[in-house]
Every structure is written in C-alpha cells, then in structure tokens.
C-alpha cells in the first residue's frame, strides 16, 4: 500500500460512515498494521486527516451535534452524551454545541427514559424503596442529574410532572 491507496481507503471510509478525525486516524493506523506499506515515504495519516477536514469530509462539531441529538432522543442525559463524545475523540471546542443540545433537551430526555423503563409516572404501580433505588441508579447511569432522576423515580403512577416544577 502507498499514499494513494491510503487516501482511497480513507475516502471510502468517510463516504460510508459519519466519522471524526480521531476515528479516521484510528482506522487508517489499523489498516497500516494489517497491510504492508510500500510507499517511498512514510505514511502521512495526519496530513490526510487534516486535508479531509479542510475539504469538509469530516466535521467533528457536526458529528458531535448529531450524536448528542440522537442520544438525547433515546433518553440519555448530558453526562452520558459527554462520555460518548469523549469516546468518539471529539475535542473540547467541538463539543460545545452538542453539550448545549444535551442541556436543552435534558427534561425531555429524562421523560423518554422514564417512559421506556416504566419509571415513576409511567409505572403501573408504586414501587418499593429497593426498586426505586435501582431505578434511580439506572437514571444516573444514563447520564441524568440526581434532581431530575429523583423527581421521576419518586413520582406516583400517572402523575403529571412538568419541567417548570423543576428548580435544580
């Protein structure tokens, strides 16, 4: 494989997958380990990634925003979104809009999570303290703040919880 082959691999990868600079670098490094390099000079992976970002093939900020919106709509909170962005290799500057999306949608994400897991207002019956403790832990693992999680977990079945009631 030479630099042209490496560029073809990168182009194929970014055309198939929404990706980040970090993920593209990892993919190209893996391909270099798997295949023998026969180029005249050493592989310029960093230069290739910068070129793709300049051409607009890779946009870490847009990737982060889309990832945050997807996780939020699935019921995950801001901390879980932040963790996913970190794992995707999103730099601190590129995650600002994405974290703002998580913050803006935190109440609706918590509502979605509670509905999916039949917690609080979406439960069929009042749960015992041990079950509520486990539900609270699940809320926290999903990245929600303690105050919001406690509001949903401690709500009676059918209770209408509005975000304007939330003070935290």
Protein backbone atom coordinates (compact mmCIF):
# COMPACT_ATOMS: atom_id res chain seq x y z
CA UNK A 1 0.00 0.00 0.00
CA UNK A 2 1.17 3.51 -0.78
CA UNK A 3 -0.13 7.03 -0.05
CA UNK A 4 -2.66 6.85 -2.91
CA UNK A 5 -4.01 3.54 -1.61
CA UNK A 6 -4.24 5.01 1.86
CA UNK A 7 -6.14 8.01 0.53
CA UNK A 8 -8.53 5.70 -1.34
CA UNK A 9 -9.19 3.75 1.87
CA UNK A 10 -9.84 6.99 3.76
CA UNK A 11 -12.15 8.30 1.05
CA UNK A 12 -14.13 5.06 1.02
CA UNK A 13 -14.40 5.14 4.82
CA UNK A 14 -15.67 8.74 5.08
CA UNK A 15 -18.14 8.14 2.25
CA UNK A 16 -19.69 5.21 4.12
CA UNK A 17 -19.60 6.40 7.74
CA UNK A 18 -20.15 9.61 9.66
CA UNK A 19 -16.85 9.88 11.44
CA UNK A 20 -14.46 12.07 13.37
CA UNK A 21 -10.81 12.91 12.92
CA UNK A 22 -9.95 10.56 15.74
CA UNK A 23 -11.89 7.64 14.30
CA UNK A 24 -10.43 8.13 10.81
CA UNK A 25 -6.89 8.20 12.25
CA UNK A 26 -7.53 5.00 14.20
CA UNK A 27 -8.98 3.31 11.10
CA UNK A 28 -6.00 4.27 8.92
CA UNK A 29 -3.47 3.19 11.57
CA UNK A 30 -5.24 -0.17 11.81
CA UNK A 31 -5.16 -0.59 8.03
CA UNK A 32 -1.43 0.21 8.01
CA UNK A 33 -0.83 -2.51 10.61
CA UNK A 34 -2.87 -5.00 8.58
CA UNK A 35 -1.23 -4.25 5.22
CA UNK A 36 2.37 -3.81 4.23
CA UNK A 37 3.48 -0.25 3.47
CA UNK A 38 5.43 0.03 0.23
CA UNK A 39 5.38 3.79 -0.27
CA UNK A 40 8.56 5.75 -0.89
CA UNK A 41 8.00 7.95 2.17
CA UNK A 42 6.33 7.18 5.47
CA UNK A 43 2.55 7.34 5.59
CA UNK A 44 1.15 10.82 6.21
CA UNK A 45 -2.02 9.97 8.11
CA UNK A 46 -2.19 13.28 9.98
CA UNK A 47 -1.86 15.25 6.76
CA UNK A 48 -4.56 13.17 5.12
CA UNK A 49 -6.94 13.71 8.05
CA UNK A 50 -6.31 17.47 8.00
CA UNK A 51 -6.92 17.54 4.24
CA UNK A 52 -10.21 15.67 4.62
CA UNK A 53 -11.31 18.05 7.37
CA UNK A 54 -10.46 21.08 5.22
CA UNK A 55 -12.45 19.61 2.33
CA UNK A 56 -15.42 19.14 4.65
CA UNK A 57 -15.45 15.34 4.51
CA UNK A 58 -15.03 15.28 8.28
CA UNK A 59 -16.75 17.72 10.63
CA UNK A 60 -16.24 16.87 14.28
CA UNK A 61 -18.62 19.59 15.52
CA UNK A 62 -21.45 18.39 13.26
CA UNK A 63 -20.79 14.77 14.23
CA UNK A 64 -20.94 15.76 17.90
CA UNK A 65 -24.19 17.67 17.48
CA UNK A 66 -25.85 14.78 15.62
CA UNK A 67 -24.61 12.26 18.19
CA UNK A 68 -25.94 14.41 21.04
CA UNK A 69 -29.33 14.76 19.37
CA UNK A 70 -29.55 11.01 18.77
CA UNK A 71 -28.57 10.08 22.33
CA UNK A 72 -30.88 12.71 23.79
CA UNK A 73 -33.84 11.43 21.79
CA UNK A 74 -33.09 7.91 23.09
CA UNK A 75 -33.35 9.16 26.68
CA UNK A 76 -29.72 9.73 27.64
CA UNK A 77 -28.62 12.70 29.73
CA UNK A 78 -25.86 15.26 29.35
CA UNK A 79 -23.18 13.28 31.22
CA UNK A 80 -23.76 10.21 29.04
CA UNK A 81 -23.62 12.39 25.92
CA UNK A 82 -20.35 13.94 27.11
CA UNK A 83 -18.91 10.47 27.68
CA UNK A 84 -19.91 9.31 24.18
CA UNK A 85 -18.32 12.40 22.62
CA UNK A 86 -15.11 11.81 24.55
CA UNK A 87 -15.02 8.20 23.34
CA UNK A 88 -15.50 9.38 19.76
CA UNK A 89 -12.46 11.64 20.14
CA UNK A 90 -14.31 14.95 19.94
CA UNK A 91 -12.10 17.83 21.08
CA UNK A 92 -13.33 20.21 23.77
CA UNK A 93 -14.05 23.09 21.40
CA UNK A 94 -16.07 20.94 19.01
CA UNK A 95 -18.42 19.61 21.70
CA UNK A 96 -19.89 22.94 22.87
CA UNK A 97 -22.96 22.93 20.59
CA UNK A 98 -23.53 19.24 21.24
CA UNK A 99 -23.49 19.68 25.01
CA UNK A 100 -25.86 22.63 24.64
CA UNK A 101 -28.25 20.29 22.82
CA UNK A 102 -28.00 17.84 25.72
CA UNK A 103 -28.67 20.60 28.23
CA UNK A 104 -31.64 21.98 26.29
CA UNK A 105 -33.23 18.55 25.93
CA UNK A 106 -32.48 17.22 29.40
CA UNK A 107 -36.07 17.27 30.61
CA UNK A 108 -37.47 15.56 27.51
CA UNK A 109 -34.64 13.00 27.57
CA UNK A 110 -35.47 12.16 31.19
CA UNK A 111 -39.14 11.82 30.28
CA UNK A 112 -38.24 9.48 27.41
CA UNK A 113 -36.02 7.39 29.68
CA UNK A 114 -38.74 7.11 32.33
CA UNK A 115 -41.31 6.12 29.72
CA UNK A 116 -39.03 3.46 28.17
CA UNK A 117 -38.24 1.95 31.57
CA UNK A 118 -41.75 2.35 33.08
CA UNK A 119 -40.45 4.51 35.90
CA UNK A 120 -42.45 6.88 38.12
CA UNK A 121 -45.39 8.39 36.26
CA UNK A 122 -45.15 5.66 33.61
CA UNK A 123 -45.19 2.76 36.09
CA UNK A 124 -48.30 0.67 36.65
CA UNK A 125 -47.93 0.69 40.44
CA UNK A 126 -45.95 2.38 43.19
CA UNK A 127 -42.59 0.64 43.51
CA UNK A 128 -40.94 -0.49 46.73
CA UNK A 129 -37.92 1.51 48.03
CA UNK A 130 -35.37 -1.04 46.79
CA UNK A 131 -36.78 -0.93 43.24
CA UNK A 132 -36.87 2.87 43.30
CA UNK A 133 -33.23 2.93 44.40
CA UNK A 134 -32.32 0.72 41.42
CA UNK A 135 -34.35 2.91 39.09
CA UNK A 136 -32.55 5.98 40.41
CA UNK A 137 -29.22 4.30 39.75
CA UNK A 138 -30.32 3.49 36.19
CA UNK A 139 -31.26 7.13 35.67
CA UNK A 140 -27.84 8.24 36.90
CA UNK A 141 -26.03 5.72 34.69
CA UNK A 142 -27.98 7.11 31.74
CA UNK A 143 -26.37 10.49 32.46
CA UNK A 144 -29.21 12.38 34.13
CA UNK A 145 -28.76 14.66 37.12
CA UNK A 146 -29.84 13.46 40.54
CA UNK A 147 -32.58 16.08 40.95
CA UNK A 148 -34.36 15.22 37.71
CA UNK A 149 -33.91 11.49 38.28
CA UNK A 150 -35.33 11.69 41.81
CA UNK A 151 -38.35 13.67 40.55
CA UNK A 152 -39.26 10.95 38.07
CA UNK A 153 -38.44 7.96 40.28
CA UNK A 154 -40.43 9.30 43.23
CA UNK A 155 -43.46 10.35 41.16
CA UNK A 156 -46.67 8.41 41.57
CA UNK A 157 -48.02 6.43 38.61
CA UNK A 158 -49.93 8.76 36.30
CA UNK A 159 -48.63 11.92 38.00
CA UNK A 160 -48.05 14.78 35.59
CA UNK A 161 -44.54 16.14 36.06
CA UNK A 162 -43.76 19.39 34.27
CA UNK A 163 -40.33 20.88 33.77
CA UNK A 164 -41.41 24.25 35.20
CA UNK A 165 -41.82 22.40 38.52
CA UNK A 166 -38.12 21.61 38.36
CA UNK A 167 -35.96 24.02 40.37
CA UNK A 168 -32.48 22.44 40.04
